[in-house]
Amino acid sequence: MKISIIQPGIKRGNISYNTKKIQQLINKCQGDLLIFPEYVLTGSLILDENADIYNWADQSKKAKKRLQIPDKKTVLLDMLIEREGQIFNVCELLPGDDCQEKVYPDSVEKGAGIVSGDEFKIFEKYGKRFKIVICTDFRYHDEIHREDTDFLVWITHFNANTYGRAVSEMRHFVLREGIPVLASSPVSDKNIGNSTYANIHSVVSLSSYEGILEIELNDG
């Protein structure tokens, strides 16, 4: 199974630009599973506390429909969605309707009205099983266990203050559970990239430039 950890250079609040950037990077990827970071369409909510999250959800829905996903590939795309009048932060598996909701929204998200998800699900693609955690959900990694999965996907957005702690937490999880962590993070006004692949033996990160980290997971 080939996985592309994608680190886009995005512009906060510019959904049109970010959608085009996402499509460009999709077209360049070699992976079967393509992993984009949190708030990739809009930029992080944490620096835009007055954002209209219903408008973000509506614009994200329209942007998703414009994406062209190559045959036999799966794209993990984080966005806000509206469901029965409530807003959730979710990572959708496209094409299709599978998604992982953010289980532990941060204080800014809660203040904006974003609703918590219920559980960490298990997904299966290309003969591999995995879980998805979204940003602050990984603070609760002691609650997340392997449960016959092959790897963990972390949809996030690192900054200069969080990256060092994040690597330490990833290594702790990897050593405890014995499976890799694949973390995707954007490059933006406050986010430093440094998307990371961590396994028992090593940690590999991209720099603070836009890029793609291509990983191949074998059956061993």
C-alpha atoms as a PDB file:
ATOM      1  CA  MET A   1       0.000   0.000   0.000  1.00  0.00           C
ATOM      2  CA  LYS A   2       1.343   3.411  -0.971  1.00  0.00           C
ATOM      3  CA  ILE A   3       0.464   6.467   1.117  1.00  0.00           C
ATOM      4  CA  SER A   4       1.024  10.145   0.284  1.00  0.00           C
ATOM      5  CA  ILE A   5       1.302  12.462   3.291  1.00  0.00           C
ATOM      6  CA  ILE A   6       0.520  15.822   1.722  1.00  0.00           C
ATOM      7  CA  GLN A   7       1.791  19.149   3.079  1.00  0.00           C
ATOM      8  CA  PRO A   8       0.089  21.972   1.137  1.00  0.00           C
ATOM      9  CA  GLY A   9       0.934  25.648   1.241  1.00  0.00           C
ATOM     10  CA  ILE A  10      -2.473  27.195   1.948  1.00  0.00           C
ATOM     11  CA  LYS A  11      -3.874  30.703   2.353  1.00  0.00           C
ATOM     12  CA  ARG A  12      -6.113  31.345   5.341  1.00  0.00           C
ATOM     13  CA  GLY A  13      -9.731  31.975   4.339  1.00  0.00           C
ATOM     14  CA  ASN A  14      -9.075  31.550   0.607  1.00  0.00           C
ATOM     15  CA  ILE A  15     -11.094  28.416  -0.174  1.00  0.00           C
ATOM     16  CA  SER A  16     -10.861  28.904  -3.937  1.00  0.00           C
ATOM     17  CA  TYR A  17      -7.045  29.067  -3.869  1.00  0.00           C
ATOM     18  CA  ASN A  18      -6.772  26.178  -1.429  1.00  0.00           C
ATOM     19  CA  THR A  19      -9.065  23.964  -3.511  1.00  0.00           C
ATOM     20  CA  LYS A  20      -6.885  24.525  -6.579  1.00  0.00           C
ATOM     21  CA  LYS A  21      -3.783  23.766  -4.512  1.00  0.00           C
ATOM     22  CA  ILE A  22      -5.335  20.547  -3.214  1.00  0.00           C
ATOM     23  CA  GLN A  23      -6.152  19.444  -6.775  1.00  0.00           C
ATOM     24  CA  GLN A  24      -2.616  20.202  -7.972  1.00  0.00           C
ATOM     25  CA  LEU A  25      -1.135  18.079  -5.212  1.00  0.00           C
ATOM     26  CA  ILE A  26      -3.618  15.245  -5.742  1.00  0.00           C
ATOM     27  CA  ASN A  27      -2.461  15.111  -9.345  1.00  0.00           C
ATOM     28  CA  LYS A  28       1.188  14.775  -8.273  1.00  0.00           C
ATOM     29  CA  CYS A  29       0.765  12.030  -5.674  1.00  0.00           C
ATOM     30  CA  GLN A  30       1.908   8.450  -6.163  1.00  0.00           C
ATOM     31  CA  GLY A  31      -0.043   7.005  -3.235  1.00  0.00           C
ATOM     32  CA  ASP A  32      -3.240   4.997  -3.035  1.00  0.00           C
ATOM     33  CA  LEU A  33      -4.257   6.855   0.151  1.00  0.00           C
ATOM     34  CA  LEU A  34      -3.749  10.641   0.073  1.00  0.00           C
ATOM     35  CA  ILE A  35      -3.686  12.388   3.467  1.00  0.00           C
ATOM     36  CA  PHE A  36      -4.355  16.131   3.799  1.00  0.00           C
ATOM     37  CA  PRO A  37      -4.069  18.138   7.058  1.00  0.00           C
ATOM     38  CA  GLU A  38      -6.700  19.700   9.285  1.00  0.00           C
ATOM     39  CA  TYR A  39      -8.578  22.781   8.002  1.00  0.00           C
ATOM     40  CA  VAL A  40      -6.854  22.415   4.635  1.00  0.00           C
ATOM     41  CA  LEU A  41      -9.657  24.237   2.793  1.00  0.00           C
ATOM     42  CA  THR A  42      -9.983  27.218   5.125  1.00  0.00           C
ATOM     43  CA  GLY A  43      -7.010  27.570   7.429  1.00  0.00           C
ATOM     44  CA  SER A  44      -7.244  27.021  11.161  1.00  0.00           C
ATOM     45  CA  LEU A  45     -10.221  28.306  13.094  1.00  0.00           C
ATOM     46  CA  ILE A  46      -7.990  29.148  16.046  1.00  0.00           C
ATOM     47  CA  LEU A  47      -6.832  32.423  14.494  1.00  0.00           C
ATOM     48  CA  ASP A  48     -10.271  33.364  13.205  1.00  0.00           C
ATOM     49  CA  GLU A  49     -12.590  33.146  16.193  1.00  0.00           C
ATOM     50  CA  ASN A  50     -15.256  35.210  14.420  1.00  0.00           C
ATOM     51  CA  ALA A  51     -15.426  32.862  11.436  1.00  0.00           C
ATOM     52  CA  ASP A  52     -18.877  31.956  10.147  1.00  0.00           C
ATOM     53  CA  ILE A  53     -18.614  28.189  10.520  1.00  0.00           C
ATOM     54  CA  TYR A  54     -21.893  27.575   8.672  1.00  0.00           C
ATOM     55  CA  ASN A  55     -20.536  29.486   5.690  1.00  0.00           C
ATOM     56  CA  TRP A  56     -17.253  27.584   5.941  1.00  0.00           C
ATOM     57  CA  ALA A  57     -19.189  24.313   5.908  1.00  0.00           C
ATOM     58  CA  ASP A  58     -21.253  25.410   2.907  1.00  0.00           C
ATOM     59  CA  GLN A  59     -18.222  26.627   0.937  1.00  0.00           C
ATOM     60  CA  SER A  60     -16.272  23.474   1.814  1.00  0.00           C
ATOM     61  CA  LYS A  61     -19.116  21.300   0.550  1.00  0.00           C
ATOM     62  CA  LYS A  62     -19.050  23.132  -2.783  1.00  0.00           C
ATOM     63  CA  ALA A  63     -15.259  22.932  -2.979  1.00  0.00           C
ATOM     64  CA  LYS A  64     -15.282  19.178  -2.337  1.00  0.00           C
ATOM     65  CA  LYS A  65     -17.582  18.662  -5.328  1.00  0.00           C
ATOM     66  CA  ARG A  66     -15.057  20.412  -7.601  1.00  0.00           C
ATOM     67  CA  LEU A  67     -12.252  18.003  -6.782  1.00  0.00           C
ATOM     68  CA  GLN A  68     -11.356  15.347  -9.328  1.00  0.00           C
ATOM     69  CA  ILE A  69     -10.029  12.236  -7.615  1.00  0.00           C
ATOM     70  CA  PRO A  70      -8.137   9.755  -9.799  1.00  0.00           C
ATOM     71  CA  ASP A  71      -9.566   6.276 -10.167  1.00  0.00           C
ATOM     72  CA  LYS A  72      -8.638   3.821  -7.389  1.00  0.00           C
ATOM     73  CA  LYS A  73      -7.286   6.554  -5.083  1.00  0.00           C
ATOM     74  CA  THR A  74      -8.736   7.668  -1.745  1.00  0.00           C
ATOM     75  CA  VAL A  75      -8.373  11.220  -0.426  1.00  0.00           C
ATOM     76  CA  LEU A  76      -8.617  12.035   3.296  1.00  0.00           C
ATOM     77  CA  LEU A  77      -9.938  15.601   3.399  1.00  0.00           C
ATOM     78  CA  ASP A  78     -10.678  17.488   6.613  1.00  0.00           C
ATOM     79  CA  MET A  79     -13.522  20.029   6.607  1.00  0.00           C
ATOM     80  CA  LEU A  80     -16.434  21.420   8.550  1.00  0.00           C
ATOM     81  CA  ILE A  81     -19.776  19.837   7.686  1.00  0.00           C
ATOM     82  CA  GLU A  82     -23.331  20.655   8.707  1.00  0.00           C
ATOM     83  CA  ARG A  83     -25.566  17.809   9.828  1.00  0.00           C
ATOM     84  CA  GLU A  84     -29.094  18.453  11.133  1.00  0.00           C
ATOM     85  CA  GLY A  85     -28.214  22.027  12.003  1.00  0.00           C
ATOM     86  CA  GLN A  86     -24.996  21.121  13.828  1.00  0.00           C
ATOM     87  CA  ILE A  87     -21.408  21.627  12.686  1.00  0.00           C
ATOM     88  CA  PHE A  88     -18.768  18.911  12.980  1.00  0.00           C
ATOM     89  CA  ASN A  89     -15.076  18.882  12.147  1.00  0.00           C
ATOM     90  CA  VAL A  90     -14.640  15.706  10.101  1.00  0.00           C
ATOM     91  CA  CYS A  91     -12.123  13.922   7.934  1.00  0.00           C
ATOM     92  CA  GLU A  92     -13.947  12.496   4.921  1.00  0.00           C
ATOM     93  CA  LEU A  93     -12.693   9.610   2.799  1.00  0.00           C
ATOM     94  CA  LEU A  94     -13.336  10.606  -0.810  1.00  0.00           C
ATOM     95  CA  PRO A  95     -14.919   9.368  -2.956  1.00  0.00           C
ATOM     96  CA  GLY A  96     -17.607   7.987  -0.686  1.00  0.00           C
ATOM     97  CA  ASP A  97     -19.321   8.960   2.529  1.00  0.00           C
ATOM     98  CA  ASP A  98     -17.078   7.415   5.206  1.00  0.00           C
ATOM     99  CA  CYS A  99     -15.837   9.955   7.736  1.00  0.00           C
ATOM    100  CA  GLN A 100     -14.209  10.364  11.124  1.00  0.00           C
ATOM    101  CA  GLU A 101     -15.566  13.123  13.352  1.00  0.00           C
ATOM    102  CA  LYS A 102     -13.290  15.040  15.690  1.00  0.00           C
ATOM    103  CA  VAL A 103     -13.989  13.518  19.105  1.00  0.00           C
ATOM    104  CA  TYR A 104     -12.371  16.218  21.254  1.00  0.00           C
ATOM    105  CA  PRO A 105     -12.747  19.685  19.648  1.00  0.00           C
ATOM    106  CA  ASP A 106     -10.517  22.326  21.247  1.00  0.00           C
ATOM    107  CA  SER A 107     -11.861  25.247  23.270  1.00  0.00           C
ATOM    108  CA  VAL A 108     -11.997  27.618  20.286  1.00  0.00           C
ATOM    109  CA  GLU A 109     -13.996  25.100  18.249  1.00  0.00           C
ATOM    110  CA  LYS A 110     -16.386  24.482  21.104  1.00  0.00           C
ATOM    111  CA  GLY A 111     -16.831  28.228  21.564  1.00  0.00           C
ATOM    112  CA  ALA A 112     -17.648  28.555  17.866  1.00  0.00           C
ATOM    113  CA  GLY A 113     -20.317  25.862  18.148  1.00  0.00           C
ATOM    114  CA  ILE A 114     -18.528  22.808  16.734  1.00  0.00           C
ATOM    115  CA  VAL A 115     -19.993  19.579  18.116  1.00  0.00           C
ATOM    116  CA  SER A 116     -18.001  16.588  19.413  1.00  0.00           C
ATOM    117  CA  GLY A 117     -17.973  13.250  17.623  1.00  0.00           C
ATOM    118  CA  ASP A 118     -18.686   9.955  19.364  1.00  0.00           C
ATOM    119  CA  GLU A 119     -15.854   7.481  18.762  1.00  0.00           C
ATOM    120  CA  PHE A 120     -12.698   6.536  16.921  1.00  0.00           C
ATOM    121  CA  LYS A 121     -13.651   4.314  14.009  1.00  0.00           C
ATOM    122  CA  ILE A 122     -11.651   1.702  12.136  1.00  0.00           C
ATOM    123  CA  PHE A 123     -11.350   2.062   8.344  1.00  0.00           C
ATOM    124  CA  GLU A 124     -10.099  -0.462   5.818  1.00  0.00           C
ATOM    125  CA  LYS A 125      -8.547   0.435   2.467  1.00  0.00           C
ATOM    126  CA  TYR A 126      -6.169  -1.402   0.126  1.00  0.00           C
ATOM    127  CA  GLY A 127      -5.884  -4.350   2.515  1.00  0.00           C
ATOM    128  CA  LYS A 128      -4.868  -2.202   5.514  1.00  0.00           C
ATOM    129  CA  ARG A 129      -6.839  -1.160   8.610  1.00  0.00           C
ATOM    130  CA  PHE A 130      -6.323   2.222  10.278  1.00  0.00           C
ATOM    131  CA  LYS A 131      -7.740   4.850  12.605  1.00  0.00           C
ATOM    132  CA  ILE A 132      -7.926   8.610  12.059  1.00  0.00           C
ATOM    133  CA  VAL A 133      -7.448  11.178  14.817  1.00  0.00           C
ATOM    134  CA  ILE A 134      -7.951  14.894  14.217  1.00  0.00           C
ATOM    135  CA  CYS A 135      -5.548  17.366  15.829  1.00  0.00           C
ATOM    136  CA  THR A 136      -6.317  17.746  19.562  1.00  0.00           C
ATOM    137  CA  ASP A 137      -7.799  14.232  19.629  1.00  0.00           C
ATOM    138  CA  PHE A 138      -4.203  12.987  19.836  1.00  0.00           C
ATOM    139  CA  ARG A 139      -3.844  14.549  23.295  1.00  0.00           C
ATOM    140  CA  TYR A 140      -5.923  11.591  24.375  1.00  0.00           C
ATOM    141  CA  HIS A 141      -3.725   9.001  22.670  1.00  0.00           C
ATOM    142  CA  ASP A 142      -3.731   6.858  25.813  1.00  0.00           C
ATOM    143  CA  GLU A 143      -7.380   6.136  24.977  1.00  0.00           C
ATOM    144  CA  ILE A 144      -6.531   5.055  21.421  1.00  0.00           C
ATOM    145  CA  HIS A 145      -5.425   1.453  20.987  1.00  0.00           C
ATOM    146  CA  ARG A 146      -4.318  -0.658  18.073  1.00  0.00           C
ATOM    147  CA  GLU A 147      -7.329  -2.991  17.921  1.00  0.00           C
ATOM    148  CA  ASP A 148      -5.955  -4.938  14.946  1.00  0.00           C
ATOM    149  CA  THR A 149      -5.108  -1.817  12.940  1.00  0.00           C
ATOM    150  CA  ASP A 150      -1.972  -1.347  10.831  1.00  0.00           C
ATOM    151  CA  PHE A 151      -1.345   2.383  11.324  1.00  0.00           C
ATOM    152  CA  LEU A 152      -2.742   5.622  12.728  1.00  0.00           C
ATOM    153  CA  VAL A 153      -3.427   8.773  10.684  1.00  0.00           C
ATOM    154  CA  TRP A 154      -3.105  12.116  12.455  1.00  0.00           C
ATOM    155  CA  ILE A 155      -4.817  15.041  10.693  1.00  0.00           C
ATOM    156  CA  THR A 156      -3.272  18.128  12.299  1.00  0.00           C
ATOM    157  CA  HIS A 157      -1.560  21.521  11.906  1.00  0.00           C
ATOM    158  CA  PHE A 158       1.782  21.928  13.682  1.00  0.00           C
ATOM    159  CA  ASN A 159       3.215  25.244  14.785  1.00  0.00           C
ATOM    160  CA  ALA A 160       6.596  26.089  16.298  1.00  0.00           C
ATOM    161  CA  ASN A 161       5.292  25.547  19.823  1.00  0.00           C
ATOM    162  CA  THR A 162       3.579  22.185  19.291  1.00  0.00           C
ATOM    163  CA  TYR A 163       5.856  20.228  16.978  1.00  0.00           C
ATOM    164  CA  GLY A 164       8.425  19.078  19.557  1.00  0.00           C
ATOM    165  CA  ARG A 165       5.748  17.805  21.915  1.00  0.00           C
ATOM    166  CA  ALA A 166       3.934  16.175  19.012  1.00  0.00           C
ATOM    167  CA  VAL A 167       6.977  14.110  18.014  1.00  0.00           C
ATOM    168  CA  SER A 168       7.394  12.958  21.598  1.00  0.00           C
ATOM    169  CA  GLU A 169       3.734  11.907  21.768  1.00  0.00           C
ATOM    170  CA  MET A 170       3.964  10.108  18.429  1.00  0.00           C
ATOM    171  CA  ARG A 171       7.001   8.132  19.572  1.00  0.00           C
ATOM    172  CA  HIS A 172       5.258   7.223  22.818  1.00  0.00           C
ATOM    173  CA  PHE A 173       2.231   5.928  20.914  1.00  0.00           C
ATOM    174  CA  VAL A 174       4.328   4.025  18.356  1.00  0.00           C
ATOM    175  CA  LEU A 175       6.380   2.285  21.030  1.00  0.00           C
ATOM    176  CA  ARG A 176       3.286   1.441  23.069  1.00  0.00           C
ATOM    177  CA  GLU A 177       1.059   0.190  20.230  1.00  0.00           C
ATOM    178  CA  GLY A 178       3.666  -1.032  17.736  1.00  0.00           C
ATOM    179  CA  ILE A 179       2.144   0.650  14.664  1.00  0.00           C
ATOM    180  CA  PRO A 180       3.270   3.736  12.679  1.00  0.00           C
ATOM    181  CA  VAL A 181       1.780   7.224  12.920  1.00  0.00           C
ATOM    182  CA  LEU A 182       1.364   9.321   9.753  1.00  0.00           C
ATOM    183  CA  ALA A 183       0.807  13.020  10.495  1.00  0.00           C
ATOM    184  CA  SER A 184      -0.138  15.612   7.879  1.00  0.00           C
ATOM    185  CA  SER A 185       0.333  19.332   8.619  1.00  0.00           C
ATOM    186  CA  PRO A 186       0.021  22.411   6.352  1.00  0.00           C
ATOM    187  CA  VAL A 187       2.316  25.312   5.620  1.00  0.00           C
ATOM    188  CA  SER A 188       0.501  28.604   6.250  1.00  0.00           C
ATOM    189  CA  ASP A 189       0.834  31.896   8.099  1.00  0.00           C
ATOM    190  CA  LYS A 190       1.265  30.170  11.475  1.00  0.00           C
ATOM    191  CA  ASN A 191       1.723  26.499  10.588  1.00  0.00           C
ATOM    192  CA  ILE A 192       5.197  25.124   9.924  1.00  0.00           C
ATOM    193  CA  GLY A 193       4.534  21.967   7.942  1.00  0.00           C
ATOM    194  CA  ASN A 194       6.853  19.253   9.321  1.00  0.00           C
ATOM    195  CA  SER A 195       4.451  16.483   8.298  1.00  0.00           C
ATOM    196  CA  THR A 196       5.816  13.304   9.854  1.00  0.00           C
ATOM    197  CA  TYR A 197       6.031   9.537   9.506  1.00  0.00           C
ATOM    198  CA  ALA A 198       7.001   7.790  12.740  1.00  0.00           C
ATOM    199  CA  ASN A 199       7.622   4.080  13.207  1.00  0.00           C
ATOM    200  CA  ILE A 200       9.411   2.038  15.882  1.00  0.00           C
ATOM    201  CA  HIS A 201      12.842   2.649  14.386  1.00  0.00           C
ATOM    202  CA  SER A 202      12.716   6.191  13.028  1.00  0.00           C
ATOM    203  CA  VAL A 203      10.948   9.521  12.621  1.00  0.00           C
ATOM    204  CA  VAL A 204      10.951  11.257   9.219  1.00  0.00           C
ATOM    205  CA  SER A 205       9.580  14.783   8.720  1.00  0.00           C
ATOM    206  CA  LEU A 206       9.210  17.166   5.819  1.00  0.00           C
ATOM    207  CA  SER A 207      10.665  20.660   6.111  1.00  0.00           C
ATOM    208  CA  SER A 208       8.645  23.873   6.323  1.00  0.00           C
ATOM    209  CA  TYR A 209       8.025  23.955   2.574  1.00  0.00           C
ATOM    210  CA  GLU A 210       5.143  22.539   0.586  1.00  0.00           C
ATOM    211  CA  GLY A 211       5.722  18.920  -0.267  1.00  0.00           C
ATOM    212  CA  ILE A 212       4.645  15.283  -0.343  1.00  0.00           C
ATOM    213  CA  LEU A 213       6.051  12.467   1.772  1.00  0.00           C
ATOM    214  CA  GLU A 214       5.552   9.174  -0.066  1.00  0.00           C
ATOM    215  CA  ILE A 215       5.397   6.059   2.118  1.00  0.00           C
ATOM    216  CA  GLU A 216       5.053   2.414   1.132  1.00  0.00           C
ATOM    217  CA  LEU A 217       3.771  -0.006   3.767  1.00  0.00           C
ATOM    218  CA  ASN A 218       4.574  -3.650   3.162  1.00  0.00           C
ATOM    219  CA  ASP A 219       2.961  -6.699   4.699  1.00  0.00           C
ATOM    220  CA  GLY A 220       5.738  -7.311   7.216  1.00  0.00           C
END
